[in-house]
């Protein structure tokens, strides 16, 4: 059914003159068009609607009645419709590029609300190889035997260094825009 339709920030801000955009993880429901961001007051949306997806190609096996691993159902949506052909870029980079584009193209005379939720620190824990190499597997991490409680630490750790440099990449575009950013 989707989440109760209480995610109203964009609608409330719209009444105050803001133009709102959503980028990245939504996970606020996907059962009907009423649950997607553009039905909840966002002018645009690029992201995924389910709980998790492959970071590199935006596929998921548990949605769309996919059967078996690698079937490749894509969970990537733009403005309430499947974003056909837009998948295939590491999600954090894709969502950052979308945020920068939105900021650059937004009219200077209107305030902007940008809701951006990266998926980096969310399973499945996937990052480009050069970031994974920064955190080699911890051989002493054996959660099953209880010798060390590191529950996913070696999986999550590489995701943060990837996110760190892309987060400030939005700041110059925000500062240069001369727009209200919230």
Protein backbone atom coordinates (compact mmCIF):
# COMPACT_ATOMS: atom_id res chain seq x y z
CA UNK A 1 0.00 0.00 0.00
CA UNK A 2 2.84 2.38 0.58
CA UNK A 3 3.45 4.65 3.49
CA UNK A 4 0.61 6.80 4.80
CA UNK A 5 0.68 9.94 2.69
CA UNK A 6 2.11 12.18 5.38
CA UNK A 7 5.37 13.10 3.65
CA UNK A 8 4.10 16.65 3.05
CA UNK A 9 7.23 18.81 3.23
CA UNK A 10 7.21 19.57 -0.47
CA UNK A 11 3.50 20.40 -0.48
CA UNK A 12 3.80 22.74 2.51
CA UNK A 13 6.91 24.42 1.08
CA UNK A 14 5.17 24.73 -2.29
CA UNK A 15 2.44 26.81 -0.65
CA UNK A 16 5.23 29.08 0.61
CA UNK A 17 6.63 29.51 -2.91
CA UNK A 18 9.39 26.90 -2.87
CA UNK A 19 10.03 24.56 -5.78
CA UNK A 20 10.92 21.12 -4.42
CA UNK A 21 12.94 18.32 -6.00
CA UNK A 22 13.68 14.78 -4.75
CA UNK A 23 16.87 12.88 -5.59
CA UNK A 24 17.96 9.39 -4.45
CA UNK A 25 16.36 6.96 -2.04
CA UNK A 26 12.63 7.46 -1.59
CA UNK A 27 11.29 4.33 0.15
CA UNK A 28 8.04 6.08 1.03
CA UNK A 29 5.89 3.71 -0.94
CA UNK A 30 5.58 2.45 -4.47
CA UNK A 31 2.24 0.72 -4.70
CA UNK A 32 0.48 3.49 -6.54
CA UNK A 33 1.27 6.70 -8.37
CA UNK A 34 -0.07 8.56 -5.29
CA UNK A 35 3.01 7.37 -3.38
CA UNK A 36 5.72 8.71 -5.70
CA UNK A 37 7.44 12.06 -5.03
CA UNK A 38 5.84 13.99 -7.90
CA UNK A 39 2.44 13.07 -6.45
CA UNK A 40 3.52 14.50 -3.09
CA UNK A 41 4.45 18.00 -4.18
CA UNK A 42 7.90 17.54 -5.72
CA UNK A 43 8.39 19.23 -9.09
CA UNK A 44 10.83 16.52 -10.13
CA UNK A 45 12.23 13.26 -8.88
CA UNK A 46 15.07 10.90 -9.76
CA UNK A 47 15.65 7.90 -7.56
CA UNK A 48 14.53 4.50 -6.48
CA UNK A 49 11.30 3.67 -4.71
CA UNK A 50 12.09 0.35 -2.99
CA UNK A 51 14.22 -0.41 0.02
CA UNK A 52 17.51 -1.21 -1.70
CA UNK A 53 19.00 -1.54 -5.16
CA UNK A 54 22.31 -2.31 -6.81
CA UNK A 55 24.42 0.86 -6.60
CA UNK A 56 26.04 0.37 -10.00
CA UNK A 57 23.13 -0.54 -12.25
CA UNK A 58 20.02 0.20 -10.11
CA UNK A 59 18.68 -3.35 -10.45
CA UNK A 60 16.87 -5.30 -7.79
CA UNK A 61 15.77 -8.92 -7.76
CA UNK A 62 13.03 -8.66 -5.13
CA UNK A 63 10.82 -6.18 -7.00
CA UNK A 64 8.69 -6.66 -10.11
CA UNK A 65 8.31 -10.39 -9.41
CA UNK A 66 11.83 -11.02 -10.69
CA UNK A 67 12.90 -14.61 -10.38
CA UNK A 68 16.46 -15.60 -9.58
CA UNK A 69 19.56 -13.51 -9.06
CA UNK A 70 20.72 -11.33 -11.90
CA UNK A 71 17.32 -10.96 -13.56
CA UNK A 72 17.87 -7.23 -13.58
CA UNK A 73 14.61 -5.48 -12.79
CA UNK A 74 15.52 -1.79 -12.67
CA UNK A 75 14.21 0.34 -9.80
CA UNK A 76 15.05 3.82 -11.08
CA UNK A 77 12.32 6.38 -11.59
CA UNK A 78 12.15 9.88 -13.00
CA UNK A 79 9.05 11.94 -12.27
CA UNK A 80 6.80 8.95 -11.55
CA UNK A 81 7.74 6.83 -14.54
CA UNK A 82 10.56 4.32 -15.09
CA UNK A 83 13.82 6.12 -15.96
CA UNK A 84 14.50 3.81 -18.88
CA UNK A 85 18.07 3.96 -20.10
CA UNK A 86 19.31 6.20 -17.27
CA UNK A 87 20.66 3.38 -15.11
CA UNK A 88 24.23 2.14 -15.15
CA UNK A 89 26.10 4.89 -13.28
CA UNK A 90 27.18 4.47 -9.66
CA UNK A 91 24.21 5.92 -7.82
CA UNK A 92 26.01 8.42 -5.58
CA UNK A 93 27.61 10.02 -8.63
CA UNK A 94 24.34 9.97 -10.60
CA UNK A 95 22.37 11.55 -7.76
CA UNK A 96 25.06 14.20 -7.15
CA UNK A 97 25.07 15.12 -10.84
CA UNK A 98 21.27 15.41 -10.77
CA UNK A 99 21.40 17.68 -7.70
CA UNK A 100 24.01 19.92 -9.35
CA UNK A 101 21.88 20.10 -12.51
CA UNK A 102 18.77 21.04 -10.52
CA UNK A 103 20.61 23.78 -8.65
CA UNK A 104 22.16 25.16 -11.84
CA UNK A 105 18.86 25.24 -13.75
CA UNK A 106 16.67 26.50 -10.91
CA UNK A 107 15.32 30.05 -11.42
CA UNK A 108 17.07 32.58 -9.18
CA UNK A 109 13.81 34.27 -8.23
CA UNK A 110 12.31 31.16 -6.58
CA UNK A 111 13.39 29.43 -3.38
CA UNK A 112 14.55 25.82 -3.71
CA UNK A 113 14.03 22.80 -1.49
CA UNK A 114 16.21 19.85 -2.52
CA UNK A 115 15.54 16.56 -0.73
CA UNK A 116 18.53 14.33 -1.45
CA UNK A 117 19.01 10.94 0.16
CA UNK A 118 22.07 9.00 -0.93
CA UNK A 119 22.11 5.24 -0.50
CA UNK A 120 25.84 4.82 0.20
CA UNK A 121 25.51 3.70 3.79
CA UNK A 122 22.65 1.37 2.92
CA UNK A 123 22.76 -2.19 1.69
CA UNK A 124 23.78 -3.62 -0.54
CA UNK A 125 27.16 -2.15 0.43
CA UNK A 126 28.83 -1.49 -2.90
CA UNK A 127 31.47 1.05 -3.86
CA UNK A 128 33.95 1.47 -6.71
CA UNK A 129 37.02 -0.76 -6.28
CA UNK A 130 39.44 2.06 -5.37
CA UNK A 131 37.33 2.85 -2.26
CA UNK A 132 36.92 -0.80 -1.25
CA UNK A 133 40.73 -1.15 -1.37
CA UNK A 134 40.98 1.45 1.42
CA UNK A 135 39.29 -1.02 3.80
CA UNK A 136 40.59 -4.57 3.35
CA UNK A 137 38.48 -7.34 4.89
CA UNK A 138 39.02 -7.86 8.62
CA UNK A 139 40.03 -11.52 9.08
CA UNK A 140 39.14 -11.37 12.78
CA UNK A 141 35.56 -10.41 11.95
CA UNK A 142 33.53 -13.54 12.50
CA UNK A 143 30.07 -12.44 13.55
CA UNK A 144 28.78 -16.03 13.57
CA UNK A 145 31.25 -17.14 16.25
CA UNK A 146 30.97 -13.90 18.20
CA UNK A 147 34.73 -13.26 18.23
CA UNK A 148 34.25 -9.69 17.08
CA UNK A 149 31.10 -7.66 16.60
CA UNK A 150 31.75 -5.82 13.37
CA UNK A 151 28.38 -6.44 11.72
CA UNK A 152 29.00 -5.07 8.27
CA UNK A 153 31.68 -2.57 9.31
CA UNK A 154 34.08 -3.73 6.60
CA UNK A 155 31.20 -3.53 4.14
CA UNK A 156 29.96 -0.07 5.18
CA UNK A 157 33.34 1.61 5.71
CA UNK A 158 34.28 2.18 2.05
CA UNK A 159 30.95 3.88 1.32
CA UNK A 160 31.66 6.91 3.49
CA UNK A 161 34.97 7.94 1.89
CA UNK A 162 33.19 7.80 -1.46
CA UNK A 163 30.39 10.06 -0.20
CA UNK A 164 32.69 12.56 1.53
CA UNK A 165 34.16 14.18 -1.62
CA UNK A 166 30.89 14.27 -3.56
CA UNK A 167 28.88 15.95 -0.80
CA UNK A 168 30.81 19.24 -0.93
CA UNK A 169 30.72 19.17 -4.74
CA UNK A 170 27.20 20.60 -4.44
CA UNK A 171 28.30 23.53 -2.26
CA UNK A 172 29.98 25.64 -4.98
CA UNK A 173 26.93 25.25 -7.21
CA UNK A 174 24.68 26.27 -4.35
CA UNK A 175 26.81 29.27 -3.39
CA UNK A 176 27.21 30.44 -6.99
CA UNK A 177 23.50 30.09 -7.67
CA UNK A 178 22.49 32.99 -5.42
CA UNK A 179 19.33 31.04 -4.63
CA UNK A 180 17.66 30.16 -1.39
CA UNK A 181 18.66 26.62 -0.55
CA UNK A 182 17.02 24.73 2.29
